[in-house]
Amino acid sequence: MLVNRLYTLVKRLALGAAMLGALSLSGCASAPPPLVDAGPVPGSDYLIGPGDNVNIIVWRNPEVSQSVPVRPDGKITTPLVEDLEAAGKTSTALARDIEKALAKFIQQPVVTVIVTGFTGIYSEQIRVIGQAARPQALPYRRGMSLMDVLIAVGGVTEFAAGNKATVIRTVDGKQQQFRVRLNDLIKEGDISANVAMRPGDVLVVPESFF
């Protein structure tokens, strides 16, 4: 199966990565700028987004401690606090805002916020469209590669034109498009095709026309 083949390739890629100093994309028209594995990770720099789950712990006040989802409008509702904006904030910033809101009801509240389900804001997601087995938006993780994305979406369909796939990326405010070689990566195990991904990337997998 394709998924099993993907996992087998992961082992090859792990060995090959040690011999590759840097991975690069082959551009549609010209070589793309060097790729940097940069982006938010769950932790102090992670920005909460719609679809995330946050665990709110209020010290010595378990009755108002609760795990809640971030609504599509980016807000959360907790006991004593309604419609508080959460999207675009770090867990620490959200905790301070909740403390301010709870101060009307609790003396010197101490709040801790833990993100337990990660989706992230739109600009921190990788979106996969076209002939992927399961097209979807994925939360970006630091160091995420093209292979990681393919595993997450279950590979590509039998109708995919893998070597004609492209990554649409915004660089310095300008949208650029680069060619990626999915067939070479999946079928041939070509580790040079396993490029680094960035937050906000869109992977487009076109259909093959026979």
C-alpha atoms as a PDB file:
ATOM      1  CA  MET A   1       0.000   0.000   0.000  1.00  0.00           C
ATOM      2  CA  LEU A   2       1.052   3.582  -0.596  1.00  0.00           C
ATOM      3  CA  VAL A   3       0.925   4.477   3.098  1.00  0.00           C
ATOM      4  CA  ASN A   4       3.216   1.563   3.977  1.00  0.00           C
ATOM      5  CA  ARG A   5       5.598   2.675   1.264  1.00  0.00           C
ATOM      6  CA  LEU A   6       5.632   6.160   2.775  1.00  0.00           C
ATOM      7  CA  TYR A   7       6.589   4.833   6.185  1.00  0.00           C
ATOM      8  CA  THR A   8       9.332   2.686   4.659  1.00  0.00           C
ATOM      9  CA  LEU A   9      10.716   5.757   2.955  1.00  0.00           C
ATOM     10  CA  VAL A  10      10.828   7.612   6.260  1.00  0.00           C
ATOM     11  CA  LYS A  11      13.599   5.273   7.419  1.00  0.00           C
ATOM     12  CA  ARG A  12      15.578   5.886   4.243  1.00  0.00           C
ATOM     13  CA  LEU A  13      15.070   9.614   4.557  1.00  0.00           C
ATOM     14  CA  ALA A  14      16.273   9.635   8.151  1.00  0.00           C
ATOM     15  CA  LEU A  15      19.557   8.065   7.038  1.00  0.00           C
ATOM     16  CA  GLY A  16      19.900  10.256   4.002  1.00  0.00           C
ATOM     17  CA  ALA A  17      19.167  13.458   5.888  1.00  0.00           C
ATOM     18  CA  ALA A  18      22.448  13.169   7.733  1.00  0.00           C
ATOM     19  CA  MET A  19      24.295  13.374   4.421  1.00  0.00           C
ATOM     20  CA  LEU A  20      22.312  16.320   3.105  1.00  0.00           C
ATOM     21  CA  GLY A  21      23.329  19.669   4.448  1.00  0.00           C
ATOM     22  CA  ALA A  22      20.258  21.383   3.100  1.00  0.00           C
ATOM     23  CA  LEU A  23      17.199  20.451   1.085  1.00  0.00           C
ATOM     24  CA  SER A  24      16.013  22.555  -1.816  1.00  0.00           C
ATOM     25  CA  LEU A  25      13.047  22.838  -4.150  1.00  0.00           C
ATOM     26  CA  SER A  26      13.391  22.743  -7.918  1.00  0.00           C
ATOM     27  CA  GLY A  27      11.602  25.900  -9.050  1.00  0.00           C
ATOM     28  CA  CYS A  28       9.162  26.121 -11.908  1.00  0.00           C
ATOM     29  CA  ALA A  29      11.180  28.898 -13.529  1.00  0.00           C
ATOM     30  CA  SER A  30      14.211  29.436 -11.286  1.00  0.00           C
ATOM     31  CA  ALA A  31      15.738  28.102  -8.119  1.00  0.00           C
ATOM     32  CA  PRO A  32      13.848  29.166  -5.002  1.00  0.00           C
ATOM     33  CA  PRO A  33      15.499  30.964  -2.090  1.00  0.00           C
ATOM     34  CA  PRO A  34      17.128  28.800   0.595  1.00  0.00           C
ATOM     35  CA  LEU A  35      14.577  27.122   2.817  1.00  0.00           C
ATOM     36  CA  VAL A  36      14.590  27.768   6.534  1.00  0.00           C
ATOM     37  CA  ASP A  37      12.915  25.407   8.988  1.00  0.00           C
ATOM     38  CA  ALA A  38      11.285  28.219  10.893  1.00  0.00           C
ATOM     39  CA  GLY A  39       7.849  28.561  12.365  1.00  0.00           C
ATOM     40  CA  PRO A  40       5.760  28.260  15.490  1.00  0.00           C
ATOM     41  CA  VAL A  41       5.706  25.156  17.623  1.00  0.00           C
ATOM     42  CA  PRO A  42       3.426  24.289  20.530  1.00  0.00           C
ATOM     43  CA  GLY A  43       4.858  26.190  23.467  1.00  0.00           C
ATOM     44  CA  SER A  44       5.497  29.777  24.463  1.00  0.00           C
ATOM     45  CA  ASP A  45       5.511  31.069  20.856  1.00  0.00           C
ATOM     46  CA  TYR A  46       2.546  29.074  19.604  1.00  0.00           C
ATOM     47  CA  LEU A  47      -0.429  31.212  18.615  1.00  0.00           C
ATOM     48  CA  ILE A  48      -3.819  29.776  19.492  1.00  0.00           C
ATOM     49  CA  GLY A  49      -6.246  29.369  16.615  1.00  0.00           C
ATOM     50  CA  PRO A  50      -9.851  28.315  15.958  1.00  0.00           C
ATOM     51  CA  GLY A  51     -10.280  24.593  16.512  1.00  0.00           C
ATOM     52  CA  ASP A  52      -7.647  24.398  19.240  1.00  0.00           C
ATOM     53  CA  ASN A  53      -8.555  23.026  22.651  1.00  0.00           C
ATOM     54  CA  VAL A  54      -7.338  24.912  25.703  1.00  0.00           C
ATOM     55  CA  ASN A  55      -7.209  23.635  29.260  1.00  0.00           C
ATOM     56  CA  ILE A  56      -7.798  26.533  31.669  1.00  0.00           C
ATOM     57  CA  ILE A  57      -6.594  25.915  35.216  1.00  0.00           C
ATOM     58  CA  VAL A  58      -7.517  28.444  37.900  1.00  0.00           C
ATOM     59  CA  TRP A  59      -5.433  27.840  41.016  1.00  0.00           C
ATOM     60  CA  ARG A  60      -7.529  26.883  44.052  1.00  0.00           C
ATOM     61  CA  ASN A  61     -10.702  27.347  42.015  1.00  0.00           C
ATOM     62  CA  PRO A  62     -11.441  24.003  40.323  1.00  0.00           C
ATOM     63  CA  GLU A  63     -15.079  24.954  39.834  1.00  0.00           C
ATOM     64  CA  VAL A  64     -14.078  27.492  37.175  1.00  0.00           C
ATOM     65  CA  SER A  65     -11.248  25.421  35.692  1.00  0.00           C
ATOM     66  CA  GLN A  66     -12.270  23.866  32.403  1.00  0.00           C
ATOM     67  CA  SER A  67     -11.119  22.514  29.055  1.00  0.00           C
ATOM     68  CA  VAL A  68     -12.825  24.387  26.219  1.00  0.00           C
ATOM     69  CA  PRO A  69     -12.569  24.551  22.412  1.00  0.00           C
ATOM     70  CA  VAL A  70     -11.726  27.733  20.549  1.00  0.00           C
ATOM     71  CA  ARG A  71     -14.765  28.565  18.445  1.00  0.00           C
ATOM     72  CA  PRO A  72     -14.607  29.328  14.706  1.00  0.00           C
ATOM     73  CA  ASP A  73     -14.872  33.037  15.585  1.00  0.00           C
ATOM     74  CA  GLY A  74     -11.686  32.717  17.658  1.00  0.00           C
ATOM     75  CA  LYS A  75     -13.383  33.159  21.030  1.00  0.00           C
ATOM     76  CA  ILE A  76     -13.877  30.959  24.086  1.00  0.00           C
ATOM     77  CA  THR A  77     -16.530  30.796  26.765  1.00  0.00           C
ATOM     78  CA  THR A  78     -15.744  29.624  30.303  1.00  0.00           C
ATOM     79  CA  PRO A  79     -17.532  29.809  33.646  1.00  0.00           C
ATOM     80  CA  LEU A  80     -17.753  33.519  34.595  1.00  0.00           C
ATOM     81  CA  VAL A  81     -16.065  34.603  31.351  1.00  0.00           C
ATOM     82  CA  GLU A  82     -17.998  34.797  28.084  1.00  0.00           C
ATOM     83  CA  ASP A  83     -16.824  35.518  24.542  1.00  0.00           C
ATOM     84  CA  LEU A  84     -13.162  36.118  25.312  1.00  0.00           C
ATOM     85  CA  GLU A  85     -10.885  36.449  22.283  1.00  0.00           C
ATOM     86  CA  ALA A  86      -8.333  33.620  22.219  1.00  0.00           C
ATOM     87  CA  ALA A  87      -7.177  33.303  18.602  1.00  0.00           C
ATOM     88  CA  GLY A  88      -3.848  34.905  17.793  1.00  0.00           C
ATOM     89  CA  LYS A  89      -2.653  34.862  21.409  1.00  0.00           C
ATOM     90  CA  THR A  90      -0.034  32.773  23.149  1.00  0.00           C
ATOM     91  CA  SER A  91      -1.170  30.594  26.033  1.00  0.00           C
ATOM     92  CA  THR A  92       0.527  33.001  28.449  1.00  0.00           C
ATOM     93  CA  ALA A  93      -1.221  36.053  26.998  1.00  0.00           C
ATOM     94  CA  LEU A  94      -4.580  34.301  27.152  1.00  0.00           C
ATOM     95  CA  ALA A  95      -3.960  33.316  30.766  1.00  0.00           C
ATOM     96  CA  ARG A  96      -3.300  36.951  31.713  1.00  0.00           C
ATOM     97  CA  ASP A  97      -6.486  38.072  29.941  1.00  0.00           C
ATOM     98  CA  ILE A  98      -8.516  35.443  31.778  1.00  0.00           C
ATOM     99  CA  GLU A  99      -7.019  36.600  35.072  1.00  0.00           C
ATOM    100  CA  LYS A 100      -8.159  40.151  34.353  1.00  0.00           C
ATOM    101  CA  ALA A 101     -11.674  38.967  33.536  1.00  0.00           C
ATOM    102  CA  LEU A 102     -11.880  36.736  36.617  1.00  0.00           C
ATOM    103  CA  ALA A 103     -10.589  39.479  38.918  1.00  0.00           C
ATOM    104  CA  LYS A 104     -14.160  40.812  39.037  1.00  0.00           C
ATOM    105  CA  PHE A 105     -15.260  37.629  40.783  1.00  0.00           C
ATOM    106  CA  ILE A 106     -12.137  36.041  42.331  1.00  0.00           C
ATOM    107  CA  GLN A 107      -9.510  37.734  44.429  1.00  0.00           C
ATOM    108  CA  GLN A 108      -6.099  37.643  42.727  1.00  0.00           C
ATOM    109  CA  PRO A 109      -6.801  34.734  40.373  1.00  0.00           C
ATOM    110  CA  VAL A 110      -3.837  32.729  39.097  1.00  0.00           C
ATOM    111  CA  VAL A 111      -4.503  31.118  35.726  1.00  0.00           C
ATOM    112  CA  THR A 112      -2.546  28.653  33.619  1.00  0.00           C
ATOM    113  CA  VAL A 113      -3.545  27.861  30.029  1.00  0.00           C
ATOM    114  CA  ILE A 114      -2.376  24.671  28.327  1.00  0.00           C
ATOM    115  CA  VAL A 115      -3.096  24.059  24.651  1.00  0.00           C
ATOM    116  CA  THR A 116      -4.068  20.393  24.357  1.00  0.00           C
ATOM    117  CA  GLY A 117      -5.303  20.228  20.762  1.00  0.00           C
ATOM    118  CA  PHE A 118      -3.405  22.030  18.038  1.00  0.00           C
ATOM    119  CA  THR A 119      -4.866  23.488  14.876  1.00  0.00           C
ATOM    120  CA  GLY A 120      -3.285  26.933  14.775  1.00  0.00           C
ATOM    121  CA  ILE A 121      -4.252  30.095  12.977  1.00  0.00           C
ATOM    122  CA  TYR A 122      -4.569  30.088   9.177  1.00  0.00           C
ATOM    123  CA  SER A 123      -1.099  31.511   8.551  1.00  0.00           C
ATOM    124  CA  GLU A 124       0.462  28.659  10.554  1.00  0.00           C
ATOM    125  CA  GLN A 125      -1.249  25.847   8.665  1.00  0.00           C
ATOM    126  CA  ILE A 126      -0.187  23.836   5.642  1.00  0.00           C
ATOM    127  CA  ARG A 127      -3.046  23.219   3.232  1.00  0.00           C
ATOM    128  CA  VAL A 128      -3.115  20.260   0.847  1.00  0.00           C
ATOM    129  CA  ILE A 129      -5.524  20.377  -2.095  1.00  0.00           C
ATOM    130  CA  GLY A 130      -6.155  18.358  -5.225  1.00  0.00           C
ATOM    131  CA  GLN A 131      -5.363  14.670  -5.693  1.00  0.00           C
ATOM    132  CA  ALA A 132      -4.236  13.901  -2.147  1.00  0.00           C
ATOM    133  CA  ALA A 133      -5.851  10.886  -0.494  1.00  0.00           C
ATOM    134  CA  ARG A 134      -7.256  13.149   2.242  1.00  0.00           C
ATOM    135  CA  PRO A 135      -6.997  16.840   1.260  1.00  0.00           C
ATOM    136  CA  GLN A 136      -6.957  18.931   4.421  1.00  0.00           C
ATOM    137  CA  ALA A 137      -5.335  21.708   6.436  1.00  0.00           C
ATOM    138  CA  LEU A 138      -2.544  20.585   8.764  1.00  0.00           C
ATOM    139  CA  PRO A 139      -1.043  22.378  11.762  1.00  0.00           C
ATOM    140  CA  TYR A 140       2.581  23.253  11.049  1.00  0.00           C
ATOM    141  CA  ARG A 141       5.287  21.688  13.204  1.00  0.00           C
ATOM    142  CA  ARG A 142       8.865  22.905  13.356  1.00  0.00           C
ATOM    143  CA  GLY A 143      11.021  20.914  10.961  1.00  0.00           C
ATOM    144  CA  MET A 144       8.035  19.637   8.977  1.00  0.00           C
ATOM    145  CA  SER A 145       8.994  18.156   5.610  1.00  0.00           C
ATOM    146  CA  LEU A 146       7.125  17.251   2.449  1.00  0.00           C
ATOM    147  CA  MET A 147       7.221  13.602   3.521  1.00  0.00           C
ATOM    148  CA  ASP A 148       5.577  14.500   6.844  1.00  0.00           C
ATOM    149  CA  VAL A 149       2.775  16.197   4.929  1.00  0.00           C
ATOM    150  CA  LEU A 150       2.284  13.233   2.604  1.00  0.00           C
ATOM    151  CA  ILE A 151       2.065  10.814   5.530  1.00  0.00           C
ATOM    152  CA  ALA A 152      -0.491  13.037   7.254  1.00  0.00           C
ATOM    153  CA  VAL A 153      -2.765  13.116   4.189  1.00  0.00           C
ATOM    154  CA  GLY A 154      -2.333   9.438   3.346  1.00  0.00           C
ATOM    155  CA  GLY A 155      -0.299   9.983   0.200  1.00  0.00           C
ATOM    156  CA  VAL A 156      -1.795  10.763  -3.194  1.00  0.00           C
ATOM    157  CA  THR A 157      -4.491   9.138  -5.326  1.00  0.00           C
ATOM    158  CA  GLU A 158      -3.840   6.929  -8.352  1.00  0.00           C
ATOM    159  CA  PHE A 159      -4.905   9.843 -10.535  1.00  0.00           C
ATOM    160  CA  ALA A 160      -2.292  12.265  -9.174  1.00  0.00           C
ATOM    161  CA  ALA A 161       0.385  13.797 -11.377  1.00  0.00           C
ATOM    162  CA  GLY A 162       2.882  13.703  -8.534  1.00  0.00           C
ATOM    163  CA  ASN A 163       5.870  15.240 -10.280  1.00  0.00           C
ATOM    164  CA  LYS A 164       3.737  18.163 -11.438  1.00  0.00           C
ATOM    165  CA  ALA A 165       2.721  19.110  -7.905  1.00  0.00           C
ATOM    166  CA  THR A 166       3.528  22.607  -6.714  1.00  0.00           C
ATOM    167  CA  VAL A 167       3.987  24.449  -3.450  1.00  0.00           C
ATOM    168  CA  ILE A 168       2.509  27.940  -3.295  1.00  0.00           C
ATOM    169  CA  ARG A 169       4.398  30.030  -0.764  1.00  0.00           C
ATOM    170  CA  THR A 170       4.405  33.660   0.303  1.00  0.00           C
ATOM    171  CA  VAL A 171       7.942  35.052   0.481  1.00  0.00           C
ATOM    172  CA  ASP A 172       8.466  38.661   1.586  1.00  0.00           C
ATOM    173  CA  GLY A 173       4.818  39.410   0.915  1.00  0.00           C
ATOM    174  CA  LYS A 174       4.902  37.987  -2.616  1.00  0.00           C
ATOM    175  CA  GLN A 175       3.313  34.714  -3.691  1.00  0.00           C
ATOM    176  CA  GLN A 176       5.683  32.272  -5.370  1.00  0.00           C
ATOM    177  CA  GLN A 177       5.142  28.822  -6.836  1.00  0.00           C
ATOM    178  CA  PHE A 178       7.679  25.990  -6.825  1.00  0.00           C
ATOM    179  CA  ARG A 179       7.582  22.551  -8.412  1.00  0.00           C
ATOM    180  CA  VAL A 180       7.959  19.516  -6.124  1.00  0.00           C
ATOM    181  CA  ARG A 181       8.507  15.884  -7.154  1.00  0.00           C
ATOM    182  CA  LEU A 182       6.094  13.683  -5.246  1.00  0.00           C
ATOM    183  CA  ASN A 183       6.527  10.632  -7.488  1.00  0.00           C
ATOM    184  CA  ASP A 184      10.296  10.733  -7.156  1.00  0.00           C
ATOM    185  CA  LEU A 185       9.943  10.946  -3.394  1.00  0.00           C
ATOM    186  CA  ILE A 186       7.248   8.296  -2.933  1.00  0.00           C
ATOM    187  CA  LYS A 187       8.087   5.771  -5.655  1.00  0.00           C
ATOM    188  CA  GLU A 188      11.825   6.216  -6.089  1.00  0.00           C
ATOM    189  CA  GLY A 189      12.796   7.161  -2.552  1.00  0.00           C
ATOM    190  CA  ASP A 190      14.674  10.229  -3.827  1.00  0.00           C
ATOM    191  CA  ILE A 191      15.499  12.050  -0.597  1.00  0.00           C
ATOM    192  CA  SER A 192      16.481  15.203  -2.482  1.00  0.00           C
ATOM    193  CA  ALA A 193      12.756  15.608  -3.231  1.00  0.00           C
ATOM    194  CA  ASN A 194      11.908  15.751   0.483  1.00  0.00           C
ATOM    195  CA  VAL A 195      11.896  19.513   0.886  1.00  0.00           C
ATOM    196  CA  ALA A 196      11.257  21.550   4.010  1.00  0.00           C
ATOM    197  CA  MET A 197       7.797  23.053   4.411  1.00  0.00           C
ATOM    198  CA  ARG A 198       6.868  26.413   5.890  1.00  0.00           C
ATOM    199  CA  PRO A 199       3.818  27.752   7.712  1.00  0.00           C
ATOM    200  CA  GLY A 200       1.231  28.963   5.218  1.00  0.00           C
ATOM    201  CA  ASP A 201       2.389  26.685   2.384  1.00  0.00           C
ATOM    202  CA  VAL A 202      -0.239  25.301   0.011  1.00  0.00           C
ATOM    203  CA  LEU A 203       0.574  21.967  -1.645  1.00  0.00           C
ATOM    204  CA  VAL A 204      -1.339  21.553  -4.914  1.00  0.00           C
ATOM    205  CA  VAL A 205      -1.492  18.015  -6.334  1.00  0.00           C
ATOM    206  CA  PRO A 206      -2.910  18.126  -9.893  1.00  0.00           C
ATOM    207  CA  GLU A 207      -4.727  15.337 -11.694  1.00  0.00           C
ATOM    208  CA  SER A 208      -2.930  13.342 -14.355  1.00  0.00           C
ATOM    209  CA  PHE A 209      -4.594  13.448 -17.771  1.00  0.00           C
ATOM    210  CA  PHE A 210      -3.924  10.339 -19.836  1.00  0.00           C
END
